[in-house]
Amino acid sequence: MTDHERDGLIVRIRQIRRLAAVRDRPKVDAAGPEAERLQDLETRVAHLEQLLEGLQDSVYRESERHDKLIADLHAQIQPGAMGAALADDARSRGL
């Protein structure tokens, strides 16, 4: 597990705890509908923060995958690697 993955996991755990704390908070009827509306908004924001974290993690993983693919392709087109691959291909075809 890389440091970034570990940090992402910690952030997601904190988000889940925050969302649970907001949901478990007792509703306050003394302030009326404004307090209930505020509590609903807090719950929704906590949920959206959790979704955003998931999206960020997904984008990061996809970026890492693309970076690795590009690095592999770059290594394959180096003159030495390409020359060796062409020589192997020629040998296998009997040229």
C-alpha atoms as a PDB file:
ATOM      1  CA  MET A   1       0.000   0.000   0.000  1.00  0.00           C
ATOM      2  CA  THR A   2       1.517   3.316  -1.051  1.00  0.00           C
ATOM      3  CA  ASP A   3       1.534   6.407   1.126  1.00  0.00           C
ATOM      4  CA  HIS A   4      -1.091   8.051  -1.077  1.00  0.00           C
ATOM      5  CA  GLU A   5      -3.396   5.032  -0.859  1.00  0.00           C
ATOM      6  CA  ARG A   6      -2.959   4.934   2.920  1.00  0.00           C
ATOM      7  CA  ASP A   7      -3.689   8.665   3.192  1.00  0.00           C
ATOM      8  CA  GLY A   8      -6.747   8.251   0.978  1.00  0.00           C
ATOM      9  CA  LEU A   9      -8.001   5.425   3.157  1.00  0.00           C
ATOM     10  CA  ILE A  10      -7.540   7.518   6.302  1.00  0.00           C
ATOM     11  CA  VAL A  11      -9.435  10.421   4.726  1.00  0.00           C
ATOM     12  CA  ARG A  12     -12.293   8.111   3.694  1.00  0.00           C
ATOM     13  CA  ILE A  13     -12.520   6.657   7.204  1.00  0.00           C
ATOM     14  CA  ARG A  14     -12.689  10.171   8.654  1.00  0.00           C
ATOM     15  CA  GLN A  15     -15.401  11.115   6.158  1.00  0.00           C
ATOM     16  CA  ILE A  16     -17.451   8.042   7.056  1.00  0.00           C
ATOM     17  CA  ARG A  17     -17.109   8.824  10.751  1.00  0.00           C
ATOM     18  CA  ARG A  18     -18.090  12.453  10.162  1.00  0.00           C
ATOM     19  CA  LEU A  19     -21.123  11.386   8.138  1.00  0.00           C
ATOM     20  CA  ALA A  20     -22.136   8.906  10.860  1.00  0.00           C
ATOM     21  CA  ALA A  21     -21.726  11.582  13.539  1.00  0.00           C
ATOM     22  CA  VAL A  22     -23.943  13.975  11.601  1.00  0.00           C
ATOM     23  CA  ARG A  23     -26.586  11.300  11.048  1.00  0.00           C
ATOM     24  CA  ASP A  24     -26.520  10.129  14.682  1.00  0.00           C
ATOM     25  CA  ARG A  25     -26.822  13.638  16.078  1.00  0.00           C
ATOM     26  CA  PRO A  26     -30.178  14.029  17.795  1.00  0.00           C
ATOM     27  CA  LYS A  27     -32.645  16.260  16.033  1.00  0.00           C
ATOM     28  CA  VAL A  28     -33.315  19.529  17.788  1.00  0.00           C
ATOM     29  CA  ASP A  29     -36.985  20.484  17.682  1.00  0.00           C
ATOM     30  CA  ALA A  30     -36.587  23.596  19.835  1.00  0.00           C
ATOM     31  CA  ALA A  31     -35.187  25.705  16.986  1.00  0.00           C
ATOM     32  CA  GLY A  32     -37.829  24.592  14.546  1.00  0.00           C
ATOM     33  CA  PRO A  33     -37.589  23.828  10.854  1.00  0.00           C
ATOM     34  CA  GLU A  34     -34.388  25.877  10.386  1.00  0.00           C
ATOM     35  CA  ALA A  35     -32.401  23.529  12.624  1.00  0.00           C
ATOM     36  CA  GLU A  36     -33.813  20.480  10.863  1.00  0.00           C
ATOM     37  CA  ARG A  37     -33.031  21.991   7.471  1.00  0.00           C
ATOM     38  CA  LEU A  38     -29.497  22.820   8.605  1.00  0.00           C
ATOM     39  CA  GLN A  39     -29.007  19.293   9.869  1.00  0.00           C
ATOM     40  CA  ASP A  40     -30.263  17.874   6.574  1.00  0.00           C
ATOM     41  CA  LEU A  41     -27.827  20.105   4.700  1.00  0.00           C
ATOM     42  CA  GLU A  42     -24.941  19.006   6.930  1.00  0.00           C
ATOM     43  CA  THR A  43     -25.798  15.380   6.220  1.00  0.00           C
ATOM     44  CA  ARG A  44     -25.941  16.053   2.492  1.00  0.00           C
ATOM     45  CA  VAL A  45     -22.619  17.938   2.499  1.00  0.00           C
ATOM     46  CA  ALA A  46     -20.952  15.106   4.413  1.00  0.00           C
ATOM     47  CA  HIS A  47     -22.289  12.647   1.836  1.00  0.00           C
ATOM     48  CA  LEU A  48     -21.076  14.818  -1.051  1.00  0.00           C
ATOM     49  CA  GLU A  49     -17.636  15.084   0.569  1.00  0.00           C
ATOM     50  CA  GLN A  50     -17.504  11.299   0.724  1.00  0.00           C
ATOM     51  CA  LEU A  51     -18.462  11.036  -2.963  1.00  0.00           C
ATOM     52  CA  LEU A  52     -15.834  13.618  -3.886  1.00  0.00           C
ATOM     53  CA  GLU A  53     -13.148  11.633  -2.047  1.00  0.00           C
ATOM     54  CA  GLY A  54     -14.159   8.522  -3.980  1.00  0.00           C
ATOM     55  CA  LEU A  55     -13.970  10.430  -7.245  1.00  0.00           C
ATOM     56  CA  GLN A  56     -10.544  11.819  -6.368  1.00  0.00           C
ATOM     57  CA  ASP A  57      -9.264   8.335  -5.540  1.00  0.00           C
ATOM     58  CA  SER A  58     -10.645   6.978  -8.789  1.00  0.00           C
ATOM     59  CA  VAL A  59      -9.055   9.768 -10.832  1.00  0.00           C
ATOM     60  CA  TYR A  60      -5.734   9.216  -9.057  1.00  0.00           C
ATOM     61  CA  ARG A  61      -5.782   5.451  -9.752  1.00  0.00           C
ATOM     62  CA  GLU A  62      -6.634   6.050 -13.414  1.00  0.00           C
ATOM     63  CA  SER A  63      -3.858   8.643 -13.674  1.00  0.00           C
ATOM     64  CA  GLU A  64      -1.360   6.197 -12.179  1.00  0.00           C
ATOM     65  CA  ARG A  65      -2.486   3.513 -14.637  1.00  0.00           C
ATOM     66  CA  HIS A  66      -2.025   5.877 -17.586  1.00  0.00           C
ATOM     67  CA  ASP A  67       1.380   7.006 -16.320  1.00  0.00           C
ATOM     68  CA  LYS A  68       2.543   3.382 -16.122  1.00  0.00           C
ATOM     69  CA  LEU A  69       1.202   2.632 -19.599  1.00  0.00           C
ATOM     70  CA  ILE A  70       2.969   5.665 -21.068  1.00  0.00           C
ATOM     71  CA  ALA A  71       6.222   4.752 -19.305  1.00  0.00           C
ATOM     72  CA  ASP A  72       5.997   1.196 -20.691  1.00  0.00           C
ATOM     73  CA  LEU A  73       5.370   2.482 -24.209  1.00  0.00           C
ATOM     74  CA  HIS A  74       8.212   4.966 -23.881  1.00  0.00           C
ATOM     75  CA  ALA A  75      10.571   2.158 -22.825  1.00  0.00           C
ATOM     76  CA  GLN A  76       9.490   0.073 -25.827  1.00  0.00           C
ATOM     77  CA  ILE A  77      10.283   2.788 -28.366  1.00  0.00           C
ATOM     78  CA  GLN A  78      13.799   3.481 -27.110  1.00  0.00           C
ATOM     79  CA  PRO A  79      16.251   2.811 -29.953  1.00  0.00           C
ATOM     80  CA  GLY A  80      18.026  -0.024 -28.113  1.00  0.00           C
ATOM     81  CA  ALA A  81      14.800  -1.770 -27.102  1.00  0.00           C
ATOM     82  CA  MET A  82      13.262  -1.300 -30.533  1.00  0.00           C
ATOM     83  CA  GLY A  83      16.395  -2.607 -32.271  1.00  0.00           C
ATOM     84  CA  ALA A  84      16.442  -5.690 -30.054  1.00  0.00           C
ATOM     85  CA  ALA A  85      12.744  -6.329 -30.672  1.00  0.00           C
ATOM     86  CA  LEU A  86      13.197  -5.999 -34.454  1.00  0.00           C
ATOM     87  CA  ALA A  87      16.199  -8.347 -34.367  1.00  0.00           C
ATOM     88  CA  ASP A  88      14.226 -10.926 -32.345  1.00  0.00           C
ATOM     89  CA  ASP A  89      11.318 -10.639 -34.746  1.00  0.00           C
ATOM     90  CA  ALA A  90      13.592 -11.062 -37.764  1.00  0.00           C
ATOM     91  CA  ARG A  91      15.191 -14.135 -36.175  1.00  0.00           C
ATOM     92  CA  SER A  92      11.845 -15.693 -35.357  1.00  0.00           C
ATOM     93  CA  ARG A  93      10.648 -15.193 -38.948  1.00  0.00           C
ATOM     94  CA  GLY A  94      13.868 -16.581 -40.353  1.00  0.00           C
ATOM     95  CA  LEU A  95      14.906 -13.400 -42.140  1.00  0.00           C
END
